[in-house]
Every structure is written in structure tokens, then in C-alpha cells.
Amino acid sequence: MLGDPVGKVLASGGHIFMAETDAGEPVGCVGLKAMDDGGFEVVKMTVAEAARGTGLGRLLMQACIDRARANGAPRLYLETNASLGPAIGLYRAAGFADIPPRETDYSRCDLWMELALTPR
């Protein structure tokens, strides 16, 4: 995905959100990859170490939720690793719940989560 974000995320109807400082330095990003059921997978979320703890992760996640709702998506889905405590805390605070494991291409994935959305 990182090598071809246009082809892997945007071309299929996904979205990418970037956060930057006032000086234009990138400090965070997240992607929404369109899924066959009309939902979106949250992909490649990261916040620069210097910007962690500032609420930027919550803002990026809220942008994902808002865009998914605006697009009438029934859900947001993500795959992660149980060792990523702060990220998992963020996901749970946003309303994501654990779901049963499924087949994945992500070798480090050992936790699956979903946020059911009610389109507005």
C-alpha cells in the first residue's frame, strides 16, 4: 500500500488523510480503503513520535468516521497487532469492538476490530 497509495487506496474509492504542522511538515496520516460491502478498512494510520499525545490520532480517526458516514458506509474495519496498546486504546475509545479473526494478508495482525456506523 505504501508503494502505491493511488492504486491501492484512492483508485478504488478510498481516501487518505494527512496531518501537517503549520510549516507543512507531515506528522500523521491514515487511509480508508474501500471494501466490497460498502464499508472502509482503516489502513496505515500513524502519528509522528513528536506529535503523539496531542490528540492528533483522535482527530485522524474522527476524520475517518466522518468520511465513512458521509459516504453511507455501514462500518469501519481494521486489523492490528495486540502489542500496539496506545493505538488499540484509541480504536476502542472511538467505539471499535473486537471481532472474530479472519483470513488476512497482514503477517503481524492478531487483532480484528470493527465500528458499526449508522449513516446520517
C-alpha atoms as a PDB file:
ATOM      1  CA  MET A   1       0.000   0.000   0.000  1.00  0.00           C
ATOM      2  CA  LEU A   2       2.776   2.413   0.846  1.00  0.00           C
ATOM      3  CA  GLY A   3       4.403   1.871  -2.543  1.00  0.00           C
ATOM      4  CA  ASP A   4       1.225   2.634  -4.493  1.00  0.00           C
ATOM      5  CA  PRO A   5      -1.353   4.546  -2.403  1.00  0.00           C
ATOM      6  CA  VAL A   6      -3.130   5.833  -5.506  1.00  0.00           C
ATOM      7  CA  GLY A   7      -3.591   2.360  -6.952  1.00  0.00           C
ATOM      8  CA  LYS A   8      -4.176   0.524  -3.668  1.00  0.00           C
ATOM      9  CA  VAL A   9      -6.372   3.059  -1.841  1.00  0.00           C
ATOM     10  CA  LEU A  10      -7.602   6.001  -3.908  1.00  0.00           C
ATOM     11  CA  ALA A  11      -8.368   4.322  -7.252  1.00  0.00           C
ATOM     12  CA  SER A  12     -10.944   2.008  -5.680  1.00  0.00           C
ATOM     13  CA  GLY A  13     -12.826   4.823  -3.933  1.00  0.00           C
ATOM     14  CA  GLY A  14     -10.741   5.139  -0.790  1.00  0.00           C
ATOM     15  CA  HIS A  15      -9.441   8.215   0.963  1.00  0.00           C
ATOM     16  CA  ILE A  16      -6.168   9.362   2.530  1.00  0.00           C
ATOM     17  CA  PHE A  17      -5.955  11.977   5.276  1.00  0.00           C
ATOM     18  CA  MET A  18      -2.701  13.781   6.043  1.00  0.00           C
ATOM     19  CA  ALA A  19      -1.935  15.987   9.045  1.00  0.00           C
ATOM     20  CA  GLU A  20       0.857  18.510   8.915  1.00  0.00           C
ATOM     21  CA  THR A  21       2.378  21.242  11.023  1.00  0.00           C
ATOM     22  CA  ASP A  22       1.888  24.921  10.223  1.00  0.00           C
ATOM     23  CA  ALA A  23       5.239  24.689   8.421  1.00  0.00           C
ATOM     24  CA  GLY A  24       3.900  21.929   6.152  1.00  0.00           C
ATOM     25  CA  GLU A  25       5.771  19.056   7.825  1.00  0.00           C
ATOM     26  CA  PRO A  26       3.749  15.808   7.728  1.00  0.00           C
ATOM     27  CA  VAL A  27       3.034  14.479  11.218  1.00  0.00           C
ATOM     28  CA  GLY A  28       0.235  11.974  10.685  1.00  0.00           C
ATOM     29  CA  CYS A  29      -1.751  10.039   8.142  1.00  0.00           C
ATOM     30  CA  VAL A  30      -4.431   7.407   7.752  1.00  0.00           C
ATOM     31  CA  GLY A  31      -6.113   5.733   4.813  1.00  0.00           C
ATOM     32  CA  LEU A  32      -9.595   4.395   4.207  1.00  0.00           C
ATOM     33  CA  LYS A  33      -9.596   1.505   1.753  1.00  0.00           C
ATOM     34  CA  ALA A  34     -12.988   0.807   0.179  1.00  0.00           C
ATOM     35  CA  MET A  35     -14.405  -2.654   0.880  1.00  0.00           C
ATOM     36  CA  ASP A  36     -16.758  -4.731  -1.247  1.00  0.00           C
ATOM     37  CA  ASP A  37     -19.644  -4.330   1.249  1.00  0.00           C
ATOM     38  CA  GLY A  38     -19.532  -0.510   1.098  1.00  0.00           C
ATOM     39  CA  GLY A  39     -17.536  -0.201   4.313  1.00  0.00           C
ATOM     40  CA  PHE A  40     -13.970   1.006   4.665  1.00  0.00           C
ATOM     41  CA  GLU A  41     -10.854  -0.562   6.114  1.00  0.00           C
ATOM     42  CA  VAL A  42      -8.739   1.817   8.203  1.00  0.00           C
ATOM     43  CA  VAL A  43      -5.178   1.366   6.912  1.00  0.00           C
ATOM     44  CA  LYS A  44      -1.696   2.663   7.657  1.00  0.00           C
ATOM     45  CA  MET A  45      -2.576   5.005  10.500  1.00  0.00           C
ATOM     46  CA  THR A  46       0.455   6.677  12.029  1.00  0.00           C
ATOM     47  CA  VAL A  47       1.357   9.766  14.019  1.00  0.00           C
ATOM     48  CA  ALA A  48       4.925  11.062  14.229  1.00  0.00           C
ATOM     49  CA  GLU A  49       6.524  10.400  17.591  1.00  0.00           C
ATOM     50  CA  ALA A  50       6.824  14.130  18.338  1.00  0.00           C
ATOM     51  CA  ALA A  51       3.061  14.585  17.781  1.00  0.00           C
ATOM     52  CA  ARG A  52       1.878  11.637  19.875  1.00  0.00           C
ATOM     53  CA  GLY A  53      -0.211  12.505  22.903  1.00  0.00           C
ATOM     54  CA  THR A  54      -1.550  15.676  21.279  1.00  0.00           C
ATOM     55  CA  GLY A  55      -4.939  14.300  20.221  1.00  0.00           C
ATOM     56  CA  LEU A  56      -3.907  14.105  16.581  1.00  0.00           C
ATOM     57  CA  GLY A  57      -4.711  10.386  16.397  1.00  0.00           C
ATOM     58  CA  ARG A  58      -8.248  11.086  17.637  1.00  0.00           C
ATOM     59  CA  LEU A  59      -8.657  13.808  15.023  1.00  0.00           C
ATOM     60  CA  LEU A  60      -7.479  11.499  12.238  1.00  0.00           C
ATOM     61  CA  MET A  61      -9.835   8.742  13.418  1.00  0.00           C
ATOM     62  CA  GLN A  62     -12.740  11.196  13.602  1.00  0.00           C
ATOM     63  CA  ALA A  63     -11.978  12.262  10.022  1.00  0.00           C
ATOM     64  CA  CYS A  64     -12.250   8.592   9.014  1.00  0.00           C
ATOM     65  CA  ILE A  65     -15.553   8.160  10.839  1.00  0.00           C
ATOM     66  CA  ASP A  66     -16.984  11.365   9.400  1.00  0.00           C
ATOM     67  CA  ARG A  67     -15.972  10.493   5.827  1.00  0.00           C
ATOM     68  CA  ALA A  68     -17.301   6.948   6.117  1.00  0.00           C
ATOM     69  CA  ARG A  69     -20.639   8.212   7.441  1.00  0.00           C
ATOM     70  CA  ALA A  70     -20.826  10.851   4.701  1.00  0.00           C
ATOM     71  CA  ASN A  71     -20.346   8.059   2.179  1.00  0.00           C
ATOM     72  CA  GLY A  72     -23.092   5.936   3.781  1.00  0.00           C
ATOM     73  CA  ALA A  73     -20.660   3.216   4.869  1.00  0.00           C
ATOM     74  CA  PRO A  74     -22.138   0.564   7.154  1.00  0.00           C
ATOM     75  CA  ARG A  75     -18.873   0.026   9.032  1.00  0.00           C
ATOM     76  CA  LEU A  76     -15.205   0.715   9.553  1.00  0.00           C
ATOM     77  CA  TYR A  77     -12.925  -2.303   9.843  1.00  0.00           C
ATOM     78  CA  LEU A  78      -9.303  -2.645  10.876  1.00  0.00           C
ATOM     79  CA  GLU A  79      -6.635  -5.216  11.510  1.00  0.00           C
ATOM     80  CA  THR A  80      -3.883  -4.555  14.035  1.00  0.00           C
ATOM     81  CA  ASN A  81      -1.438  -6.108  16.467  1.00  0.00           C
ATOM     82  CA  ALA A  82      -2.272  -6.575  20.149  1.00  0.00           C
ATOM     83  CA  SER A  83       1.104  -5.125  21.165  1.00  0.00           C
ATOM     84  CA  LEU A  84       0.084  -1.642  19.932  1.00  0.00           C
ATOM     85  CA  GLY A  85      -1.535  -0.562  23.193  1.00  0.00           C
ATOM     86  CA  PRO A  86      -1.981   3.181  22.551  1.00  0.00           C
ATOM     87  CA  ALA A  87      -3.471   2.537  19.099  1.00  0.00           C
ATOM     88  CA  ILE A  88      -5.858  -0.076  20.446  1.00  0.00           C
ATOM     89  CA  GLY A  89      -6.901   2.342  23.200  1.00  0.00           C
ATOM     90  CA  LEU A  90      -7.642   4.944  20.531  1.00  0.00           C
ATOM     91  CA  TYR A  91      -9.685   2.470  18.488  1.00  0.00           C
ATOM     92  CA  ARG A  92     -11.705   1.340  21.497  1.00  0.00           C
ATOM     93  CA  ALA A  93     -12.298   4.944  22.596  1.00  0.00           C
ATOM     94  CA  ALA A  94     -13.671   5.627  19.098  1.00  0.00           C
ATOM     95  CA  GLY A  95     -16.125   2.736  19.521  1.00  0.00           C
ATOM     96  CA  PHE A  96     -14.358  -0.115  17.754  1.00  0.00           C
ATOM     97  CA  ALA A  97     -15.052  -3.591  19.147  1.00  0.00           C
ATOM     98  CA  ASP A  98     -13.129  -6.838  18.744  1.00  0.00           C
ATOM     99  CA  ILE A  99     -14.471  -9.255  16.142  1.00  0.00           C
ATOM    100  CA  PRO A 100     -13.501 -12.867  15.396  1.00  0.00           C
ATOM    101  CA  PRO A 101     -10.271 -13.480  13.460  1.00  0.00           C
ATOM    102  CA  ARG A 102     -10.447 -13.850   9.714  1.00  0.00           C
ATOM    103  CA  GLU A 103      -8.024 -14.542   6.899  1.00  0.00           C
ATOM    104  CA  THR A 104      -5.533 -11.723   6.404  1.00  0.00           C
ATOM    105  CA  ASP A 105      -2.591 -10.706   4.260  1.00  0.00           C
ATOM    106  CA  TYR A 106      -1.032  -8.807   7.174  1.00  0.00           C
ATOM    107  CA  SER A 107       1.558 -11.059   8.818  1.00  0.00           C
ATOM    108  CA  ARG A 108       1.627  -9.093  12.105  1.00  0.00           C
ATOM    109  CA  CYS A 109      -2.156  -8.975  12.519  1.00  0.00           C
ATOM    110  CA  ASP A 110      -3.547 -10.749  15.574  1.00  0.00           C
ATOM    111  CA  LEU A 111      -6.486  -8.472  16.404  1.00  0.00           C
ATOM    112  CA  TRP A 112      -9.503  -7.594  14.262  1.00  0.00           C
ATOM    113  CA  MET A 113     -11.870  -4.739  15.088  1.00  0.00           C
ATOM    114  CA  GLU A 114     -14.974  -3.101  13.674  1.00  0.00           C
ATOM    115  CA  LEU A 115     -17.059   0.018  14.227  1.00  0.00           C
ATOM    116  CA  ALA A 116     -20.678  -0.267  13.100  1.00  0.00           C
ATOM    117  CA  LEU A 117     -21.874   3.015  11.598  1.00  0.00           C
ATOM    118  CA  THR A 118     -25.336   4.407  11.274  1.00  0.00           C
ATOM    119  CA  PRO A 119     -25.400   6.561   8.147  1.00  0.00           C
ATOM    120  CA  ARG A 120     -26.701  10.064   8.787  1.00  0.00           C
END
